[in-house]
């Protein structure tokens, strides 16, 4: 269902405000907050197995997941970046690794050039805005929601955001897709069916494994303890 003119205008205004807040983060704060998110994700996703991790090339001061992706590839995960096929179409996900040939995609964002198509098991989703119920405000193209709605097997969705991206509500519509997990520089949360619940990295890793099993995703193996 299409948004009303009033809701569309409101989202446009919030998107502009939230992007200004994120791009205005001081470089030292951005670096420190990004490091905190990256360290939390290393703990949460420190699993060996056949999973495909979908991530996004950083855009407009988003959290940069590329170093994390390279680290996870050493643990057996494959990584993929989204590719826009066209207006009104779901995203494709193409295999990505450091050094792969790239080309400019929509908004000039680099995308892999003719690498294999993959289906993500876990998605790191960078929102423009993130509300108290786990819904995200994106850039307005609807690509993520359209893609997730079209998948027969929904991946585990982890929103990676800074706290400046929080809003009370996006006024979710039927087409909006809730995130399963939220990671910011100061919070780890999971959706328990009624609300976002705060937790630590160990609890979140356990919750992710249980959710993966419930959705029929490949079961990862814990990383062996380091001597």
N, C-alpha and C. Protein backbone atom coordinates (compact mmCIF):
# COMPACT_ATOMS: atom_id res chain seq x y z
N UNK A 1 0.86 -1.19 0.00
CA UNK A 1 0.00 0.00 0.00
C UNK A 1 0.89 1.24 0.00
N UNK A 2 0.55 2.19 -0.86
CA UNK A 2 1.35 3.40 -0.96
C UNK A 2 1.13 4.29 0.26
N UNK A 3 2.18 4.99 0.64
CA UNK A 3 2.07 5.93 1.75
C UNK A 3 1.22 7.12 1.34
N UNK A 4 0.53 7.72 2.31
CA UNK A 4 -0.20 8.95 2.05
C UNK A 4 0.80 10.07 1.78
N UNK A 5 0.33 11.14 1.17
CA UNK A 5 1.21 12.28 0.89
C UNK A 5 1.80 12.83 2.18
N UNK A 6 0.99 12.84 3.24
CA UNK A 6 1.46 13.36 4.53
C UNK A 6 2.56 12.47 5.10
N UNK A 7 2.35 11.14 5.06
CA UNK A 7 3.36 10.21 5.59
C UNK A 7 4.63 10.27 4.76
N UNK A 8 4.49 10.38 3.45
CA UNK A 8 5.65 10.47 2.57
C UNK A 8 6.47 11.72 2.88
N UNK A 9 5.78 12.85 3.07
CA UNK A 9 6.47 14.10 3.39
C UNK A 9 7.16 14.01 4.74
N UNK A 10 6.50 13.37 5.71
CA UNK A 10 7.09 13.22 7.04
C UNK A 10 8.35 12.37 6.97
N UNK A 11 8.28 11.27 6.25
CA UNK A 11 9.45 10.40 6.13
C UNK A 11 10.59 11.12 5.40
N UNK A 12 10.24 11.89 4.41
CA UNK A 12 11.28 12.63 3.69
C UNK A 12 11.98 13.60 4.63
N UNK A 13 11.21 14.29 5.46
CA UNK A 13 11.80 15.24 6.40
C UNK A 13 12.66 14.54 7.44
N UNK A 14 12.18 13.40 7.97
CA UNK A 14 12.96 12.65 8.96
C UNK A 14 14.23 12.09 8.34
N UNK A 15 14.12 11.63 7.12
CA UNK A 15 15.30 11.10 6.42
C UNK A 15 16.37 12.18 6.29
N UNK A 16 15.97 13.36 5.92
CA UNK A 16 16.91 14.48 5.77
C UNK A 16 17.54 14.83 7.11
N UNK A 17 16.71 14.88 8.16
CA UNK A 17 17.22 15.24 9.48
C UNK A 17 18.20 14.19 10.00
N UNK A 18 17.85 12.91 9.85
CA UNK A 18 18.68 11.84 10.37
C UNK A 18 19.98 11.70 9.59
N UNK A 19 19.93 11.90 8.28
CA UNK A 19 21.15 11.86 7.50
C UNK A 19 22.10 13.00 7.89
N UNK A 20 21.52 14.17 8.15
CA UNK A 20 22.34 15.30 8.59
C UNK A 20 23.02 14.99 9.92
N UNK A 21 22.28 14.34 10.82
CA UNK A 21 22.86 13.98 12.12
C UNK A 21 23.99 12.97 11.96
N UNK A 22 23.80 11.98 11.08
CA UNK A 22 24.81 10.95 10.91
C UNK A 22 26.05 11.47 10.19
N UNK A 23 25.85 12.21 9.13
CA UNK A 23 27.00 12.73 8.39
C UNK A 23 27.72 13.83 9.17
N UNK A 24 27.05 14.37 10.19
CA UNK A 24 27.67 15.40 11.01
C UNK A 24 28.42 14.87 12.22
N UNK A 25 28.47 13.55 12.38
CA UNK A 25 29.22 12.97 13.49
C UNK A 25 30.70 13.31 13.36
N UNK A 26 31.30 13.74 14.44
CA UNK A 26 32.73 14.06 14.43
C UNK A 26 33.53 12.82 14.05
N UNK A 27 34.59 12.97 13.23
CA UNK A 27 35.35 11.80 12.77
C UNK A 27 35.84 10.91 13.91
N UNK A 28 36.28 11.49 15.01
CA UNK A 28 36.78 10.67 16.10
C UNK A 28 35.66 9.87 16.75
N UNK A 29 34.46 10.46 16.83
CA UNK A 29 33.32 9.72 17.38
C UNK A 29 32.89 8.62 16.42
N UNK A 30 32.86 8.93 15.13
CA UNK A 30 32.49 7.93 14.13
C UNK A 30 33.42 6.73 14.20
N UNK A 31 34.71 6.99 14.31
CA UNK A 31 35.69 5.91 14.38
C UNK A 31 35.50 5.08 15.65
N UNK A 32 35.28 5.76 16.78
CA UNK A 32 35.13 5.05 18.04
C UNK A 32 33.84 4.23 18.07
N UNK A 33 32.75 4.82 17.60
CA UNK A 33 31.47 4.10 17.59
C UNK A 33 31.49 2.94 16.60
N UNK A 34 32.14 3.14 15.46
CA UNK A 34 32.24 2.06 14.47
C UNK A 34 33.04 0.90 15.04
N UNK A 35 34.11 1.21 15.76
CA UNK A 35 34.93 0.16 16.36
C UNK A 35 34.11 -0.63 17.38
N UNK A 36 33.27 0.05 18.14
CA UNK A 36 32.43 -0.64 19.12
C UNK A 36 31.44 -1.58 18.45
N UNK A 37 30.83 -1.13 17.36
CA UNK A 37 29.90 -2.00 16.62
C UNK A 37 30.65 -3.18 16.02
N UNK A 38 31.81 -2.92 15.44
CA UNK A 38 32.59 -3.99 14.84
C UNK A 38 33.02 -5.03 15.86
N UNK A 39 33.45 -4.59 17.04
CA UNK A 39 33.86 -5.53 18.08
C UNK A 39 32.68 -6.37 18.56
N UNK A 40 31.51 -5.75 18.70
CA UNK A 40 30.32 -6.49 19.12
C UNK A 40 29.94 -7.53 18.07
N UNK A 41 30.01 -7.15 16.81
CA UNK A 41 29.67 -8.10 15.75
C UNK A 41 30.66 -9.25 15.68
N UNK A 42 31.92 -8.99 15.96
CA UNK A 42 32.89 -10.08 16.00
C UNK A 42 32.52 -11.11 17.06
N UNK A 43 32.06 -10.63 18.21
CA UNK A 43 31.64 -11.55 19.26
C UNK A 43 30.36 -12.29 18.88
N UNK A 44 29.43 -11.56 18.31
CA UNK A 44 28.12 -12.14 17.99
C UNK A 44 28.21 -13.13 16.84
N UNK A 45 29.06 -12.85 15.85
CA UNK A 45 29.13 -13.67 14.64
C UNK A 45 30.40 -14.50 14.57
N UNK A 46 31.06 -14.72 15.70
CA UNK A 46 32.29 -15.50 15.72
C UNK A 46 31.94 -16.98 15.60
N UNK A 47 31.49 -17.36 14.41
CA UNK A 47 31.02 -18.71 14.15
C UNK A 47 31.63 -19.21 12.85
N UNK A 48 31.98 -20.49 12.83
CA UNK A 48 32.46 -21.09 11.60
C UNK A 48 31.29 -21.80 10.92
N UNK A 49 31.24 -21.72 9.59
CA UNK A 49 30.18 -22.43 8.92
C UNK A 49 29.93 -21.91 7.53
N UNK A 50 28.89 -22.41 6.89
CA UNK A 50 28.63 -22.11 5.48
C UNK A 50 27.76 -20.89 5.25
N UNK A 51 27.64 -20.03 6.22
CA UNK A 51 26.75 -18.89 6.06
C UNK A 51 27.24 -17.91 5.00
N UNK A 52 26.27 -17.24 4.39
CA UNK A 52 26.54 -16.10 3.51
C UNK A 52 26.12 -14.84 4.25
N UNK A 53 27.06 -13.92 4.41
CA UNK A 53 26.79 -12.65 5.07
C UNK A 53 26.57 -11.58 4.02
N UNK A 54 25.40 -10.95 4.02
CA UNK A 54 25.13 -9.81 3.16
C UNK A 54 25.45 -8.52 3.90
N UNK A 55 26.18 -7.64 3.25
CA UNK A 55 26.52 -6.36 3.84
C UNK A 55 26.39 -5.29 2.78
N UNK A 56 26.53 -4.04 3.18
CA UNK A 56 26.41 -2.92 2.24
C UNK A 56 27.72 -2.13 2.19
N UNK A 57 28.07 -1.69 0.99
CA UNK A 57 29.20 -0.78 0.85
C UNK A 57 28.84 0.52 1.59
N UNK A 58 29.70 1.04 2.46
CA UNK A 58 29.34 2.19 3.29
C UNK A 58 28.99 3.41 2.46
N UNK A 59 27.91 4.07 2.86
CA UNK A 59 27.36 5.20 2.11
C UNK A 59 26.90 6.26 3.10
N UNK A 60 27.27 7.50 2.88
CA UNK A 60 26.85 8.62 3.72
C UNK A 60 27.07 8.35 5.21
N UNK A 61 28.31 8.00 5.53
CA UNK A 61 28.77 7.84 6.93
C UNK A 61 28.12 6.67 7.65
N UNK A 62 27.69 5.64 6.91
CA UNK A 62 27.18 4.43 7.55
C UNK A 62 28.33 3.69 8.25
N UNK A 63 27.98 2.74 9.11
CA UNK A 63 28.96 1.83 9.67
C UNK A 63 29.59 1.04 8.52
N UNK A 64 30.92 0.95 8.52
CA UNK A 64 31.66 0.26 7.47
C UNK A 64 31.93 -1.18 7.92
N UNK A 65 31.25 -2.14 7.29
CA UNK A 65 31.36 -3.54 7.69
C UNK A 65 32.40 -4.32 6.91
N UNK A 66 33.18 -3.65 6.06
CA UNK A 66 34.09 -4.39 5.18
C UNK A 66 35.21 -5.09 5.94
N UNK A 67 35.75 -4.45 6.97
CA UNK A 67 36.81 -5.10 7.74
C UNK A 67 36.25 -6.31 8.49
N UNK A 68 35.06 -6.17 9.02
CA UNK A 68 34.42 -7.31 9.68
C UNK A 68 34.22 -8.44 8.68
N UNK A 69 33.76 -8.11 7.48
CA UNK A 69 33.52 -9.14 6.46
C UNK A 69 34.79 -9.89 6.12
N UNK A 70 35.90 -9.15 5.98
CA UNK A 70 37.17 -9.81 5.68
C UNK A 70 37.57 -10.74 6.81
N UNK A 71 37.34 -10.32 8.04
CA UNK A 71 37.65 -11.14 9.22
C UNK A 71 36.79 -12.40 9.24
N UNK A 72 35.50 -12.27 8.91
CA UNK A 72 34.60 -13.42 8.92
C UNK A 72 34.91 -14.39 7.79
N UNK A 73 35.41 -13.88 6.68
CA UNK A 73 35.77 -14.76 5.57
C UNK A 73 36.88 -15.73 6.00
N UNK A 74 37.75 -15.30 6.89
CA UNK A 74 38.79 -16.19 7.40
C UNK A 74 38.20 -17.32 8.24
N UNK A 75 36.96 -17.16 8.67
CA UNK A 75 36.29 -18.16 9.49
C UNK A 75 35.29 -18.99 8.68
N UNK A 76 35.37 -18.88 7.36
CA UNK A 76 34.58 -19.76 6.51
C UNK A 76 33.31 -19.17 5.95
N UNK A 77 32.94 -17.95 6.36
CA UNK A 77 31.74 -17.34 5.81
C UNK A 77 32.03 -16.76 4.43
N UNK A 78 31.00 -16.74 3.58
CA UNK A 78 31.08 -16.02 2.32
C UNK A 78 30.38 -14.67 2.50
N UNK A 79 30.75 -13.71 1.67
CA UNK A 79 30.20 -12.36 1.80
C UNK A 79 29.66 -11.89 0.46
N UNK A 80 28.61 -11.04 0.52
CA UNK A 80 27.95 -10.58 -0.69
C UNK A 80 27.48 -9.15 -0.52
N UNK A 81 27.46 -8.41 -1.64
CA UNK A 81 26.96 -7.04 -1.68
C UNK A 81 25.70 -6.97 -2.53
N UNK A 82 24.79 -6.04 -2.21
CA UNK A 82 23.55 -5.91 -2.98
C UNK A 82 23.78 -5.18 -4.30
N UNK A 83 23.02 -5.59 -5.29
CA UNK A 83 23.07 -4.96 -6.62
C UNK A 83 21.64 -4.61 -7.03
N UNK A 84 21.39 -3.35 -7.36
CA UNK A 84 20.07 -2.91 -7.81
C UNK A 84 19.89 -3.35 -9.26
N UNK A 85 18.80 -4.10 -9.51
CA UNK A 85 18.50 -4.55 -10.88
C UNK A 85 17.72 -3.49 -11.66
N UNK A 86 16.88 -2.74 -10.94
CA UNK A 86 16.06 -1.73 -11.60
C UNK A 86 14.97 -1.26 -10.65
N UNK A 87 14.33 -0.17 -11.00
CA UNK A 87 13.26 0.38 -10.16
C UNK A 87 12.15 -0.64 -10.00
N UNK A 88 11.70 -0.81 -8.74
CA UNK A 88 10.59 -1.72 -8.46
C UNK A 88 10.98 -3.18 -8.41
N UNK A 89 12.25 -3.50 -8.54
CA UNK A 89 12.71 -4.88 -8.53
C UNK A 89 13.49 -5.18 -7.25
N UNK A 90 13.46 -6.43 -6.78
CA UNK A 90 14.25 -6.78 -5.60
C UNK A 90 15.74 -6.75 -5.91
N UNK A 91 16.53 -6.65 -4.88
CA UNK A 91 17.98 -6.65 -5.02
C UNK A 91 18.49 -8.04 -5.37
N UNK A 92 19.61 -8.07 -6.07
CA UNK A 92 20.40 -9.29 -6.19
C UNK A 92 21.58 -9.17 -5.23
N UNK A 93 22.12 -10.32 -4.83
CA UNK A 93 23.30 -10.31 -3.97
C UNK A 93 24.41 -11.06 -4.68
N UNK A 94 25.51 -10.36 -4.90
CA UNK A 94 26.64 -10.95 -5.61
C UNK A 94 27.83 -11.11 -4.67
N UNK A 95 28.53 -12.21 -4.85
CA UNK A 95 29.70 -12.51 -4.01
C UNK A 95 30.70 -11.36 -4.07
N UNK A 96 31.23 -11.03 -2.91
CA UNK A 96 32.25 -9.98 -2.81
C UNK A 96 33.37 -10.45 -1.89
N UNK A 97 34.57 -10.09 -2.29
CA UNK A 97 35.74 -10.30 -1.43
C UNK A 97 36.74 -9.20 -1.74
N UNK A 98 37.63 -8.88 -0.81
CA UNK A 98 38.59 -7.81 -1.06
C UNK A 98 39.40 -8.06 -2.33
N UNK A 99 39.42 -7.06 -3.21
CA UNK A 99 40.18 -7.17 -4.44
C UNK A 99 39.38 -7.59 -5.65
N UNK A 100 38.09 -7.98 -5.47
CA UNK A 100 37.27 -8.39 -6.60
C UNK A 100 37.00 -7.19 -7.51
N UNK A 101 36.84 -7.44 -8.82
CA UNK A 101 36.53 -6.37 -9.77
C UNK A 101 35.19 -5.74 -9.44
N UNK A 102 35.15 -4.40 -9.43
CA UNK A 102 33.94 -3.66 -9.06
C UNK A 102 33.55 -2.71 -10.19
N UNK A 103 32.29 -2.27 -10.16
CA UNK A 103 31.81 -1.25 -11.08
C UNK A 103 30.83 -0.36 -10.34
N UNK A 104 30.56 0.81 -10.88
CA UNK A 104 29.65 1.75 -10.23
C UNK A 104 28.21 1.30 -10.40
N UNK A 105 27.46 1.30 -9.28
CA UNK A 105 26.05 0.98 -9.32
C UNK A 105 25.21 2.22 -9.06
N UNK A 106 23.99 2.02 -8.56
CA UNK A 106 23.09 3.12 -8.24
C UNK A 106 23.73 4.02 -7.18
N UNK A 107 23.56 5.34 -7.33
CA UNK A 107 24.15 6.35 -6.46
C UNK A 107 25.67 6.36 -6.53
N UNK A 108 26.24 5.66 -7.52
CA UNK A 108 27.69 5.58 -7.63
C UNK A 108 28.32 4.61 -6.65
N UNK A 109 27.51 3.81 -5.95
CA UNK A 109 28.04 2.86 -4.96
C UNK A 109 28.67 1.68 -5.70
N UNK A 110 29.89 1.28 -5.35
CA UNK A 110 30.55 0.16 -6.03
C UNK A 110 29.80 -1.16 -5.79
N UNK A 111 29.71 -1.98 -6.84
CA UNK A 111 29.10 -3.30 -6.76
C UNK A 111 30.01 -4.30 -7.47
N UNK A 112 29.98 -5.58 -7.07
CA UNK A 112 30.83 -6.58 -7.74
C UNK A 112 30.44 -6.74 -9.20
N UNK A 113 31.43 -6.99 -10.03
CA UNK A 113 31.21 -7.15 -11.46
C UNK A 113 31.11 -8.64 -11.81
N UNK A 114 29.88 -9.10 -12.07
CA UNK A 114 29.62 -10.45 -12.60
C UNK A 114 30.17 -11.57 -11.72
N UNK A 115 30.14 -11.38 -10.40
CA UNK A 115 30.50 -12.48 -9.51
C UNK A 115 29.26 -13.35 -9.29
N UNK A 116 29.40 -14.55 -8.71
CA UNK A 116 28.25 -15.44 -8.53
C UNK A 116 27.16 -14.81 -7.68
N UNK A 117 25.91 -15.16 -8.00
CA UNK A 117 24.77 -14.75 -7.19
C UNK A 117 24.70 -15.62 -5.94
N UNK A 118 24.41 -14.99 -4.80
CA UNK A 118 24.31 -15.71 -3.53
C UNK A 118 23.01 -15.32 -2.84
N UNK A 119 22.56 -16.16 -1.92
CA UNK A 119 21.39 -15.87 -1.09
C UNK A 119 21.86 -15.69 0.35
N UNK A 120 21.79 -14.49 0.90
CA UNK A 120 22.31 -14.27 2.26
C UNK A 120 21.53 -15.05 3.32
N UNK A 121 22.28 -15.54 4.30
CA UNK A 121 21.69 -16.13 5.49
C UNK A 121 21.55 -15.08 6.59
N UNK A 122 22.48 -14.14 6.61
CA UNK A 122 22.49 -13.04 7.58
C UNK A 122 22.71 -11.74 6.82
N UNK A 123 21.94 -10.71 7.16
CA UNK A 123 22.09 -9.41 6.52
C UNK A 123 22.46 -8.36 7.56
N UNK A 124 23.49 -7.58 7.28
CA UNK A 124 23.78 -6.38 8.04
C UNK A 124 23.13 -5.22 7.31
N UNK A 125 22.13 -4.61 7.93
CA UNK A 125 21.31 -3.60 7.26
C UNK A 125 21.54 -2.24 7.91
N UNK A 126 22.11 -1.27 7.19
CA UNK A 126 22.36 0.06 7.76
C UNK A 126 21.15 0.98 7.57
N UNK A 127 20.39 1.28 8.61
CA UNK A 127 19.23 2.15 8.45
C UNK A 127 19.60 3.62 8.47
N UNK A 128 18.76 4.43 7.86
CA UNK A 128 18.84 5.88 8.06
C UNK A 128 18.24 6.22 9.42
N UNK A 129 17.10 5.62 9.70
CA UNK A 129 16.44 5.77 11.00
C UNK A 129 16.03 4.41 11.52
N UNK A 130 15.99 4.28 12.83
CA UNK A 130 15.64 3.01 13.47
C UNK A 130 14.70 3.30 14.62
N UNK A 131 13.52 2.66 14.61
CA UNK A 131 12.56 3.02 15.65
C UNK A 131 12.53 2.01 16.79
N UNK A 132 11.70 2.29 17.80
CA UNK A 132 11.68 1.51 19.04
C UNK A 132 11.12 0.11 18.85
N UNK A 133 10.49 -0.16 17.71
CA UNK A 133 9.95 -1.48 17.42
C UNK A 133 10.81 -2.27 16.44
N UNK A 134 11.98 -1.72 16.10
CA UNK A 134 12.88 -2.44 15.21
C UNK A 134 12.64 -2.21 13.74
N UNK A 135 11.79 -1.24 13.40
CA UNK A 135 11.58 -0.92 11.99
C UNK A 135 12.59 0.13 11.55
N UNK A 136 13.00 0.04 10.29
CA UNK A 136 14.03 0.93 9.78
C UNK A 136 13.44 1.90 8.75
N UNK A 137 13.99 3.09 8.76
CA UNK A 137 13.71 4.06 7.72
C UNK A 137 14.90 4.06 6.78
N UNK A 138 14.67 3.72 5.49
CA UNK A 138 15.75 3.65 4.53
C UNK A 138 15.86 4.92 3.71
N UNK A 139 16.43 4.78 2.53
CA UNK A 139 16.66 5.94 1.67
C UNK A 139 15.45 6.27 0.80
N UNK A 140 14.42 5.45 0.87
CA UNK A 140 13.19 5.78 0.16
C UNK A 140 12.92 4.96 -1.08
N UNK A 141 13.89 4.12 -1.50
CA UNK A 141 13.69 3.32 -2.70
C UNK A 141 12.91 2.05 -2.46
N UNK A 142 12.83 1.60 -1.20
CA UNK A 142 12.08 0.38 -0.87
C UNK A 142 12.76 -0.91 -1.27
N UNK A 143 14.05 -0.84 -1.61
CA UNK A 143 14.73 -2.03 -2.13
C UNK A 143 14.83 -3.16 -1.10
N UNK A 144 15.22 -2.82 0.14
CA UNK A 144 15.39 -3.86 1.15
C UNK A 144 14.06 -4.51 1.49
N UNK A 145 13.04 -3.72 1.73
CA UNK A 145 11.73 -4.28 2.09
C UNK A 145 11.20 -5.15 0.96
N UNK A 146 11.35 -4.68 -0.27
CA UNK A 146 10.87 -5.43 -1.43
C UNK A 146 11.62 -6.76 -1.56
N UNK A 147 12.92 -6.71 -1.33
CA UNK A 147 13.74 -7.92 -1.44
C UNK A 147 13.38 -8.93 -0.36
N UNK A 148 13.29 -8.46 0.88
CA UNK A 148 12.99 -9.37 1.99
C UNK A 148 11.61 -10.00 1.84
N UNK A 149 10.65 -9.22 1.33
CA UNK A 149 9.30 -9.75 1.14
C UNK A 149 9.27 -10.82 0.06
N UNK A 150 10.21 -10.75 -0.91
CA UNK A 150 10.20 -11.68 -2.03
C UNK A 150 10.94 -12.99 -1.73
N UNK A 151 11.73 -13.01 -0.67
CA UNK A 151 12.53 -14.20 -0.37
C UNK A 151 11.69 -15.28 0.29
N UNK A 152 11.83 -16.51 -0.19
CA UNK A 152 11.12 -17.63 0.43
C UNK A 152 11.69 -17.94 1.81
N UNK A 153 12.98 -17.72 1.97
CA UNK A 153 13.63 -17.96 3.26
C UNK A 153 14.24 -16.65 3.72
N UNK A 154 13.60 -16.03 4.71
CA UNK A 154 14.04 -14.72 5.18
C UNK A 154 15.34 -14.85 5.97
N UNK A 155 16.36 -14.08 5.61
CA UNK A 155 17.60 -14.11 6.37
C UNK A 155 17.44 -13.43 7.72
N UNK A 156 18.38 -13.68 8.60
CA UNK A 156 18.42 -12.96 9.87
C UNK A 156 18.91 -11.55 9.58
N UNK A 157 18.15 -10.56 10.04
CA UNK A 157 18.44 -9.16 9.72
C UNK A 157 18.95 -8.42 10.94
N UNK A 158 20.17 -7.91 10.84
CA UNK A 158 20.81 -7.18 11.93
C UNK A 158 20.97 -5.73 11.50
N UNK A 159 20.27 -4.82 12.16
CA UNK A 159 20.42 -3.40 11.89
C UNK A 159 21.69 -2.91 12.58
N UNK A 160 22.56 -2.27 11.82
CA UNK A 160 23.79 -1.70 12.38
C UNK A 160 23.67 -0.18 12.26
N UNK A 161 23.52 0.47 13.40
CA UNK A 161 23.23 1.91 13.39
C UNK A 161 23.97 2.60 14.52
N UNK A 162 24.06 3.92 14.42
CA UNK A 162 24.52 4.73 15.53
C UNK A 162 23.30 5.22 16.30
N UNK A 163 23.50 5.53 17.56
CA UNK A 163 22.37 5.95 18.40
C UNK A 163 21.70 7.22 17.88
N UNK A 164 22.43 8.04 17.12
CA UNK A 164 21.83 9.26 16.57
C UNK A 164 20.75 8.93 15.55
N UNK A 165 20.66 7.67 15.12
CA UNK A 165 19.66 7.26 14.14
C UNK A 165 18.34 6.84 14.77
N UNK A 166 18.26 6.85 16.09
CA UNK A 166 17.04 6.39 16.78
C UNK A 166 15.91 7.41 16.60
N UNK A 167 14.71 6.88 16.35
CA UNK A 167 13.49 7.69 16.37
C UNK A 167 12.41 6.87 17.06
N UNK A 168 11.37 7.53 17.53
CA UNK A 168 10.33 6.82 18.29
C UNK A 168 9.60 5.82 17.41
N UNK A 169 9.19 6.25 16.22
CA UNK A 169 8.51 5.34 15.30
C UNK A 169 8.65 5.87 13.87
N UNK A 170 8.66 4.96 12.92
CA UNK A 170 8.65 5.36 11.52
C UNK A 170 7.21 5.36 10.98
N UNK A 171 6.25 5.02 11.85
CA UNK A 171 4.89 4.85 11.37
C UNK A 171 4.82 3.68 10.41
N UNK A 172 5.19 2.46 10.88
CA UNK A 172 5.34 1.32 9.97
C UNK A 172 4.07 1.00 9.19
N UNK A 173 4.28 0.65 7.92
CA UNK A 173 3.21 0.24 7.03
C UNK A 173 3.32 -1.27 6.78
N UNK A 174 2.36 -1.82 6.06
CA UNK A 174 2.33 -3.27 5.84
C UNK A 174 3.58 -3.76 5.12
N UNK A 175 4.19 -2.92 4.30
CA UNK A 175 5.35 -3.36 3.53
C UNK A 175 6.66 -3.24 4.31
N UNK A 176 6.66 -2.56 5.45
CA UNK A 176 7.89 -2.40 6.22
C UNK A 176 8.24 -3.71 6.92
N UNK A 177 9.53 -4.05 6.92
CA UNK A 177 10.01 -5.30 7.50
C UNK A 177 10.81 -4.99 8.76
N UNK A 178 10.44 -5.64 9.84
CA UNK A 178 11.13 -5.41 11.12
C UNK A 178 12.50 -6.11 11.13
N UNK A 179 13.47 -5.47 11.75
CA UNK A 179 14.77 -6.08 11.94
C UNK A 179 14.71 -7.08 13.10
N UNK A 180 15.47 -8.15 12.99
CA UNK A 180 15.50 -9.16 14.06
C UNK A 180 16.39 -8.72 15.22
N UNK A 181 17.45 -8.00 14.87
CA UNK A 181 18.44 -7.60 15.87
C UNK A 181 18.89 -6.16 15.60
N UNK A 182 19.34 -5.49 16.65
CA UNK A 182 19.83 -4.13 16.55
C UNK A 182 21.17 -4.05 17.26
N UNK A 183 22.18 -3.53 16.57
CA UNK A 183 23.48 -3.28 17.17
C UNK A 183 23.86 -1.83 16.94
N UNK A 184 24.12 -1.11 18.02
CA UNK A 184 24.64 0.25 17.95
C UNK A 184 25.93 0.30 18.74
N UNK A 185 26.51 1.48 18.84
CA UNK A 185 27.76 1.62 19.60
C UNK A 185 27.57 1.37 21.09
N UNK A 186 26.33 1.37 21.57
CA UNK A 186 26.10 1.20 23.01
C UNK A 186 24.99 0.23 23.35
N UNK A 187 24.43 -0.47 22.37
CA UNK A 187 23.31 -1.36 22.66
C UNK A 187 23.31 -2.58 21.74
N UNK A 188 22.93 -3.72 22.31
CA UNK A 188 22.65 -4.94 21.57
C UNK A 188 21.24 -5.35 21.94
N UNK A 189 20.39 -5.60 20.94
CA UNK A 189 18.99 -5.89 21.20
C UNK A 189 18.48 -6.96 20.24
N UNK A 190 17.49 -7.71 20.70
CA UNK A 190 16.79 -8.65 19.84
C UNK A 190 15.29 -8.47 20.00
N UNK A 191 14.55 -8.82 18.96
CA UNK A 191 13.09 -8.71 18.99
C UNK A 191 12.54 -10.01 19.57
N UNK A 192 11.81 -9.93 20.67
CA UNK A 192 11.30 -11.13 21.33
C UNK A 192 9.86 -11.46 20.95
N UNK A 193 9.32 -10.76 19.96
CA UNK A 193 7.94 -10.98 19.55
C UNK A 193 7.02 -9.87 20.00
N UNK A 194 7.49 -9.10 21.00
CA UNK A 194 6.67 -7.99 21.51
C UNK A 194 7.45 -6.69 21.65
N UNK A 195 8.76 -6.80 21.89
CA UNK A 195 9.57 -5.60 22.09
C UNK A 195 11.04 -5.91 21.84
N UNK A 196 11.84 -4.87 21.64
CA UNK A 196 13.28 -5.04 21.57
C UNK A 196 13.82 -5.22 22.98
N UNK A 197 14.60 -6.28 23.17
CA UNK A 197 15.15 -6.57 24.49
C UNK A 197 16.66 -6.41 24.47
N UNK A 198 17.19 -5.70 25.48
CA UNK A 198 18.63 -5.51 25.59
C UNK A 198 19.28 -6.81 26.05
N UNK A 199 20.51 -7.06 25.60
CA UNK A 199 21.22 -8.27 25.99
C UNK A 199 22.71 -8.05 25.81
N UNK A 200 23.51 -9.06 26.14
CA UNK A 200 24.94 -9.01 25.91
C UNK A 200 25.28 -9.85 24.68
N UNK A 201 26.55 -9.85 24.29
CA UNK A 201 26.95 -10.51 23.05
C UNK A 201 26.75 -12.02 23.12
N UNK A 202 27.00 -12.62 24.27
CA UNK A 202 26.82 -14.07 24.41
C UNK A 202 25.36 -14.46 24.22
N UNK A 203 24.47 -13.72 24.85
CA UNK A 203 23.04 -13.99 24.71
C UNK A 203 22.59 -13.80 23.27
N UNK A 204 23.09 -12.75 22.63
CA UNK A 204 22.68 -12.48 21.26
C UNK A 204 23.20 -13.56 20.31
N UNK A 205 24.41 -14.03 20.51
CA UNK A 205 24.95 -15.10 19.67
C UNK A 205 24.11 -16.37 19.82
N UNK A 206 23.72 -16.68 21.06
CA UNK A 206 22.87 -17.86 21.30
C UNK A 206 21.51 -17.69 20.63
N UNK A 207 20.95 -16.48 20.71
CA UNK A 207 19.65 -16.21 20.11
C UNK A 207 19.73 -16.34 18.59
N UNK A 208 20.81 -15.88 18.00
CA UNK A 208 20.99 -15.97 16.55
C UNK A 208 21.07 -17.42 16.11
N UNK A 209 21.80 -18.25 16.85
CA UNK A 209 21.89 -19.67 16.50
C UNK A 209 20.52 -20.33 16.57
N UNK A 210 19.74 -20.01 17.60
CA UNK A 210 18.41 -20.60 17.74
C UNK A 210 17.49 -20.14 16.61
N UNK A 211 17.56 -18.86 16.29
CA UNK A 211 16.72 -18.32 15.21
C UNK A 211 17.11 -18.93 13.87
N UNK A 212 18.40 -19.13 13.66
CA UNK A 212 18.86 -19.74 12.42
C UNK A 212 18.31 -21.16 12.28
N UNK A 213 18.33 -21.91 13.36
CA UNK A 213 17.79 -23.27 13.33
C UNK A 213 16.30 -23.27 13.04
N UNK A 214 15.58 -22.32 13.66
CA UNK A 214 14.14 -22.25 13.47
C UNK A 214 13.77 -21.91 12.03
N UNK A 215 14.62 -21.16 11.35
CA UNK A 215 14.35 -20.76 9.96
C UNK A 215 14.94 -21.72 8.94
N UNK A 216 15.58 -22.77 9.42
CA UNK A 216 16.15 -23.74 8.51
C UNK A 216 17.43 -23.28 7.85
N UNK A 217 18.12 -22.32 8.45
CA UNK A 217 19.39 -21.86 7.90
C UNK A 217 20.49 -22.86 8.23
N UNK A 218 21.56 -22.90 7.44
CA UNK A 218 22.68 -23.79 7.77
C UNK A 218 23.18 -23.51 9.17
N UNK A 219 23.49 -24.57 9.91
CA UNK A 219 23.94 -24.38 11.28
C UNK A 219 25.45 -24.15 11.34
N UNK A 220 25.86 -22.98 11.82
CA UNK A 220 27.30 -22.72 11.97
C UNK A 220 27.84 -23.47 13.17
N UNK A 221 29.15 -23.60 13.20
CA UNK A 221 29.83 -24.23 14.33
C UNK A 221 30.57 -23.17 15.12
N UNK A 222 30.58 -23.28 16.45
CA UNK A 222 31.32 -22.29 17.24
C UNK A 222 32.80 -22.30 16.87
N UNK A 223 33.39 -21.10 16.87
CA UNK A 223 34.82 -20.98 16.63
C UNK A 223 35.58 -21.66 17.77
N UNK A 224 36.56 -22.54 17.48
CA UNK A 224 37.30 -23.18 18.55
C UNK A 224 37.94 -22.17 19.49
N UNK A 225 37.99 -22.52 20.77
CA UNK A 225 38.59 -21.62 21.76
C UNK A 225 40.07 -21.44 21.45
N UNK A 226 40.54 -20.22 21.59
CA UNK A 226 41.94 -19.93 21.34
C UNK A 226 42.77 -20.37 22.54
N UNK A 227 43.95 -20.93 22.30
CA UNK A 227 44.80 -21.38 23.44
C UNK A 227 45.30 -20.20 24.24
